[in-house]
Amino acid sequence: MTDIDPLLRDDARVPVPDEGFSARVMAALPARAQGSGAWFKPALIFGSAALGSVLAALLAPAGGSLLQGFADLMQLRGFTAAAFTAIAIGGALMLSALVLAVDPD
């Protein structure tokens, strides 16, 4: 039985005559913006992280600390206000790490 993959690769290397159509299309496209938004994505990530941190600090319960929340979770007392705060902050950090890991740039 013949393996089709090498045949398709060889066929894909052969240029298709298009009488300059591809060159005309590429010339008609608008020029690519050179680095105009290179600062926007890091600023957006940093700004979102800063806003999330401020909101987490402002909305955290006044009676419990973050360390107390992690201690509550280690002792399997997950229904305290401090434990919910620890879970929320840990989840936000995990989501941030996931976004940065998936980002192709």
N, C-alpha and C. Protein backbone atom coordinates (compact mmCIF):
# COMPACT_ATOMS: atom_id res chain seq x y z
N MET A 1 0.84 -1.18 0.00
CA MET A 1 0.00 0.00 0.00
C MET A 1 0.89 1.24 0.00
N THR A 2 0.54 2.22 -0.78
CA THR A 2 1.33 3.43 -0.94
C THR A 2 0.99 4.42 0.17
N ASP A 3 2.06 5.02 0.75
CA ASP A 3 1.85 6.06 1.75
C ASP A 3 1.54 7.37 1.02
N ILE A 4 0.42 7.97 1.33
CA ILE A 4 -0.05 9.14 0.59
C ILE A 4 0.63 10.43 1.05
N ASP A 5 1.18 10.45 2.26
CA ASP A 5 1.77 11.67 2.80
C ASP A 5 2.92 12.21 1.94
N PRO A 6 3.90 11.40 1.51
CA PRO A 6 4.96 11.95 0.66
C PRO A 6 4.43 12.44 -0.69
N LEU A 7 3.43 11.77 -1.23
CA LEU A 7 2.86 12.22 -2.49
C LEU A 7 2.19 13.59 -2.36
N LEU A 8 1.47 13.79 -1.27
CA LEU A 8 0.82 15.08 -1.06
C LEU A 8 1.84 16.18 -0.79
N ARG A 9 2.90 15.88 -0.05
CA ARG A 9 3.94 16.88 0.21
C ARG A 9 4.64 17.29 -1.09
N ASP A 10 4.95 16.31 -1.94
CA ASP A 10 5.59 16.64 -3.22
C ASP A 10 4.66 17.48 -4.09
N ASP A 11 3.38 17.14 -4.08
CA ASP A 11 2.42 17.89 -4.88
C ASP A 11 2.25 19.32 -4.35
N ALA A 12 2.34 19.51 -3.05
CA ALA A 12 2.18 20.84 -2.47
C ALA A 12 3.36 21.75 -2.77
N ARG A 13 4.51 21.20 -3.09
CA ARG A 13 5.69 22.01 -3.40
C ARG A 13 5.65 22.58 -4.81
N VAL A 14 4.81 22.04 -5.66
CA VAL A 14 4.73 22.50 -7.05
C VAL A 14 3.92 23.79 -7.08
N PRO A 15 4.48 24.89 -7.61
CA PRO A 15 3.73 26.14 -7.65
C PRO A 15 2.56 26.06 -8.63
N VAL A 16 1.48 26.70 -8.25
CA VAL A 16 0.28 26.73 -9.09
C VAL A 16 0.33 28.02 -9.92
N PRO A 17 0.27 27.92 -11.25
CA PRO A 17 0.30 29.14 -12.07
C PRO A 17 -1.01 29.92 -11.88
N ASP A 18 -0.86 31.19 -11.52
CA ASP A 18 -2.05 32.01 -11.32
C ASP A 18 -1.99 33.35 -12.06
N GLU A 19 -1.07 33.48 -12.98
CA GLU A 19 -0.92 34.68 -13.81
C GLU A 19 -0.81 35.96 -12.97
N GLY A 20 -0.12 35.89 -11.85
CA GLY A 20 0.11 37.06 -11.01
C GLY A 20 -1.03 37.42 -10.08
N PHE A 21 -2.04 36.55 -9.96
CA PHE A 21 -3.18 36.84 -9.10
C PHE A 21 -2.77 36.99 -7.64
N SER A 22 -1.94 36.08 -7.16
CA SER A 22 -1.50 36.14 -5.76
C SER A 22 -0.74 37.42 -5.47
N ALA A 23 0.11 37.84 -6.38
CA ALA A 23 0.87 39.07 -6.18
C ALA A 23 -0.05 40.28 -6.16
N ARG A 24 -1.08 40.30 -7.01
CA ARG A 24 -2.02 41.42 -7.03
C ARG A 24 -2.83 41.48 -5.74
N VAL A 25 -3.24 40.33 -5.24
CA VAL A 25 -4.01 40.30 -3.99
C VAL A 25 -3.15 40.77 -2.83
N MET A 26 -1.91 40.29 -2.75
CA MET A 26 -1.02 40.70 -1.67
C MET A 26 -0.70 42.19 -1.74
N ALA A 27 -0.60 42.74 -2.95
CA ALA A 27 -0.32 44.17 -3.10
C ALA A 27 -1.54 45.01 -2.71
N ALA A 28 -2.74 44.48 -2.88
CA ALA A 28 -3.96 45.22 -2.56
C ALA A 28 -4.29 45.22 -1.08
N LEU A 29 -3.70 44.32 -0.31
CA LEU A 29 -3.97 44.26 1.13
C LEU A 29 -3.34 45.46 1.83
N PRO A 30 -3.98 45.93 2.90
CA PRO A 30 -3.38 47.05 3.65
C PRO A 30 -2.09 46.60 4.34
N ALA A 31 -1.20 47.56 4.53
CA ALA A 31 0.09 47.25 5.17
C ALA A 31 -0.14 46.85 6.62
N ARG A 32 0.69 45.96 7.09
CA ARG A 32 0.60 45.48 8.45
C ARG A 32 1.13 46.55 9.41
N ALA A 33 0.43 46.74 10.52
CA ALA A 33 0.89 47.73 11.52
C ALA A 33 2.15 47.18 12.18
N GLN A 34 3.20 47.97 12.18
CA GLN A 34 4.49 47.54 12.70
C GLN A 34 4.64 47.95 14.15
N GLY A 35 4.34 47.05 15.07
CA GLY A 35 4.60 47.28 16.48
C GLY A 35 3.74 48.34 17.14
N SER A 36 2.62 48.71 16.53
CA SER A 36 1.81 49.77 17.10
C SER A 36 1.13 49.32 18.40
N GLY A 37 0.79 48.06 18.50
CA GLY A 37 0.10 47.58 19.70
C GLY A 37 0.94 46.64 20.52
N ALA A 38 2.24 46.71 20.40
CA ALA A 38 3.11 45.79 21.13
C ALA A 38 3.03 46.00 22.63
N TRP A 39 2.72 47.19 23.07
CA TRP A 39 2.63 47.49 24.49
C TRP A 39 1.26 47.20 25.06
N PHE A 40 0.23 47.07 24.19
CA PHE A 40 -1.15 46.98 24.66
C PHE A 40 -1.43 45.69 25.44
N LYS A 41 -0.99 44.55 24.92
CA LYS A 41 -1.30 43.28 25.56
C LYS A 41 -0.64 43.14 26.93
N PRO A 42 0.67 43.44 27.07
CA PRO A 42 1.24 43.39 28.42
C PRO A 42 0.60 44.38 29.38
N ALA A 43 0.24 45.57 28.89
CA ALA A 43 -0.41 46.56 29.75
C ALA A 43 -1.79 46.06 30.18
N LEU A 44 -2.50 45.40 29.28
CA LEU A 44 -3.81 44.87 29.61
C LEU A 44 -3.69 43.77 30.67
N ILE A 45 -2.72 42.88 30.52
CA ILE A 45 -2.54 41.80 31.50
C ILE A 45 -2.14 42.38 32.85
N PHE A 46 -1.19 43.33 32.85
CA PHE A 46 -0.74 43.93 34.10
C PHE A 46 -1.87 44.71 34.76
N GLY A 47 -2.62 45.47 33.97
CA GLY A 47 -3.74 46.24 34.52
C GLY A 47 -4.83 45.35 35.09
N SER A 48 -5.12 44.25 34.41
CA SER A 48 -6.13 43.32 34.91
C SER A 48 -5.67 42.66 36.21
N ALA A 49 -4.40 42.29 36.27
CA ALA A 49 -3.86 41.69 37.49
C ALA A 49 -3.89 42.69 38.65
N ALA A 50 -3.55 43.94 38.37
CA ALA A 50 -3.56 44.96 39.41
C ALA A 50 -4.99 45.22 39.89
N LEU A 51 -5.93 45.33 38.97
CA LEU A 51 -7.33 45.55 39.34
C LEU A 51 -7.87 44.37 40.14
N GLY A 52 -7.56 43.16 39.70
CA GLY A 52 -8.01 41.98 40.44
C GLY A 52 -7.42 41.92 41.83
N SER A 53 -6.16 42.31 41.98
CA SER A 53 -5.53 42.30 43.30
C SER A 53 -6.19 43.33 44.22
N VAL A 54 -6.46 44.51 43.69
CA VAL A 54 -7.09 45.55 44.50
C VAL A 54 -8.49 45.12 44.91
N LEU A 55 -9.25 44.55 43.96
CA LEU A 55 -10.60 44.10 44.29
C LEU A 55 -10.57 42.96 45.30
N ALA A 56 -9.62 42.04 45.16
CA ALA A 56 -9.52 40.93 46.12
C ALA A 56 -9.18 41.46 47.51
N ALA A 57 -8.30 42.45 47.59
CA ALA A 57 -7.94 43.01 48.89
C ALA A 57 -9.10 43.78 49.50
N LEU A 58 -9.85 44.52 48.67
CA LEU A 58 -10.97 45.31 49.20
C LEU A 58 -12.16 44.44 49.60
N LEU A 59 -12.40 43.36 48.86
CA LEU A 59 -13.57 42.53 49.11
C LEU A 59 -13.30 41.36 50.05
N ALA A 60 -12.06 41.20 50.49
CA ALA A 60 -11.73 40.12 51.41
C ALA A 60 -12.39 40.39 52.75
N PRO A 61 -12.79 39.36 53.45
CA PRO A 61 -13.41 39.58 54.76
C PRO A 61 -12.40 40.20 55.73
N ALA A 62 -12.90 41.08 56.59
CA ALA A 62 -12.01 41.81 57.50
C ALA A 62 -11.49 40.94 58.63
N GLY A 63 -12.23 39.93 59.01
CA GLY A 63 -11.84 39.14 60.17
C GLY A 63 -10.76 38.12 59.91
N GLY A 64 -10.66 37.59 58.72
CA GLY A 64 -9.71 36.51 58.46
C GLY A 64 -8.62 36.95 57.51
N SER A 65 -7.47 36.37 57.69
CA SER A 65 -6.37 36.68 56.78
C SER A 65 -6.24 35.57 55.74
N LEU A 66 -5.44 35.84 54.75
CA LEU A 66 -5.23 34.86 53.69
C LEU A 66 -4.54 33.61 54.25
N LEU A 67 -3.58 33.81 55.13
CA LEU A 67 -2.89 32.66 55.74
C LEU A 67 -3.85 31.82 56.56
N GLN A 68 -4.78 32.48 57.25
CA GLN A 68 -5.79 31.74 58.01
C GLN A 68 -6.68 30.94 57.06
N GLY A 69 -6.96 31.49 55.89
CA GLY A 69 -7.76 30.77 54.91
C GLY A 69 -7.07 29.51 54.42
N PHE A 70 -5.77 29.60 54.15
CA PHE A 70 -5.04 28.40 53.74
C PHE A 70 -4.95 27.39 54.88
N ALA A 71 -4.82 27.89 56.11
CA ALA A 71 -4.81 26.97 57.26
C ALA A 71 -6.16 26.28 57.40
N ASP A 72 -7.23 27.02 57.20
CA ASP A 72 -8.57 26.41 57.25
C ASP A 72 -8.72 25.34 56.18
N LEU A 73 -8.21 25.60 54.99
CA LEU A 73 -8.30 24.61 53.92
C LEU A 73 -7.48 23.37 54.23
N MET A 74 -6.31 23.56 54.84
CA MET A 74 -5.48 22.40 55.19
C MET A 74 -6.15 21.56 56.26
N GLN A 75 -6.97 22.17 57.12
CA GLN A 75 -7.68 21.44 58.17
C GLN A 75 -9.07 21.01 57.72
N LEU A 76 -9.32 21.11 56.40
CA LEU A 76 -10.58 20.70 55.78
C LEU A 76 -11.78 21.47 56.31
N ARG A 77 -11.56 22.74 56.65
CA ARG A 77 -12.66 23.63 57.01
C ARG A 77 -12.83 24.62 55.88
N GLY A 78 -13.49 24.20 54.83
CA GLY A 78 -13.57 24.99 53.62
C GLY A 78 -14.70 25.98 53.56
N PHE A 79 -15.53 26.05 54.60
CA PHE A 79 -16.69 26.93 54.54
C PHE A 79 -16.53 28.18 55.40
N THR A 80 -15.29 28.61 55.59
CA THR A 80 -15.06 29.86 56.30
C THR A 80 -14.83 30.97 55.28
N ALA A 81 -15.02 32.20 55.73
CA ALA A 81 -14.82 33.33 54.83
C ALA A 81 -13.37 33.44 54.36
N ALA A 82 -12.44 33.17 55.26
CA ALA A 82 -11.03 33.22 54.90
C ALA A 82 -10.68 32.13 53.89
N ALA A 83 -11.29 30.96 54.02
CA ALA A 83 -11.04 29.87 53.08
C ALA A 83 -11.57 30.23 51.70
N PHE A 84 -12.74 30.85 51.65
CA PHE A 84 -13.28 31.29 50.35
C PHE A 84 -12.37 32.32 49.70
N THR A 85 -11.81 33.22 50.51
CA THR A 85 -10.88 34.21 49.98
C THR A 85 -9.63 33.53 49.43
N ALA A 86 -9.09 32.56 50.15
CA ALA A 86 -7.90 31.84 49.69
C ALA A 86 -8.19 31.09 48.39
N ILE A 87 -9.36 30.47 48.30
CA ILE A 87 -9.73 29.75 47.08
C ILE A 87 -9.88 30.73 45.92
N ALA A 88 -10.50 31.88 46.16
CA ALA A 88 -10.70 32.86 45.09
C ALA A 88 -9.37 33.41 44.59
N ILE A 89 -8.46 33.75 45.49
CA ILE A 89 -7.17 34.29 45.08
C ILE A 89 -6.34 33.21 44.38
N GLY A 90 -6.37 31.99 44.92
CA GLY A 90 -5.66 30.90 44.25
C GLY A 90 -6.22 30.61 42.87
N GLY A 91 -7.55 30.67 42.74
CA GLY A 91 -8.17 30.46 41.43
C GLY A 91 -7.82 31.55 40.44
N ALA A 92 -7.76 32.80 40.92
CA ALA A 92 -7.38 33.90 40.04
C ALA A 92 -5.94 33.74 39.56
N LEU A 93 -5.06 33.32 40.46
CA LEU A 93 -3.67 33.09 40.07
C LEU A 93 -3.55 31.94 39.07
N MET A 94 -4.32 30.88 39.28
CA MET A 94 -4.29 29.75 38.34
C MET A 94 -4.83 30.16 36.98
N LEU A 95 -5.89 30.96 36.97
CA LEU A 95 -6.44 31.44 35.70
C LEU A 95 -5.44 32.33 34.98
N SER A 96 -4.76 33.19 35.71
CA SER A 96 -3.73 34.04 35.10
C SER A 96 -2.61 33.20 34.51
N ALA A 97 -2.18 32.17 35.25
CA ALA A 97 -1.12 31.29 34.74
C ALA A 97 -1.59 30.55 33.51
N LEU A 98 -2.83 30.13 33.48
CA LEU A 98 -3.37 29.42 32.31
C LEU A 98 -3.41 30.33 31.09
N VAL A 99 -3.83 31.58 31.28
CA VAL A 99 -3.88 32.52 30.16
C VAL A 99 -2.47 32.76 29.62
N LEU A 100 -1.50 32.95 30.49
CA LEU A 100 -0.14 33.18 30.05
C LEU A 100 0.48 31.94 29.40
N ALA A 101 0.09 30.75 29.87
CA ALA A 101 0.63 29.52 29.29
C ALA A 101 0.05 29.25 27.90
N VAL A 102 -1.21 29.62 27.69
CA VAL A 102 -1.87 29.34 26.41
C VAL A 102 -1.51 30.40 25.37
N ASP A 103 -1.09 31.57 25.81
CA ASP A 103 -0.78 32.68 24.91
C ASP A 103 0.34 32.27 23.93
N PRO A 104 0.10 32.38 22.61
CA PRO A 104 1.12 31.94 21.65
C PRO A 104 2.30 32.89 21.55
N ASP A 105 2.19 34.12 22.03
CA ASP A 105 3.30 35.08 21.90
C ASP A 105 4.32 34.80 22.91
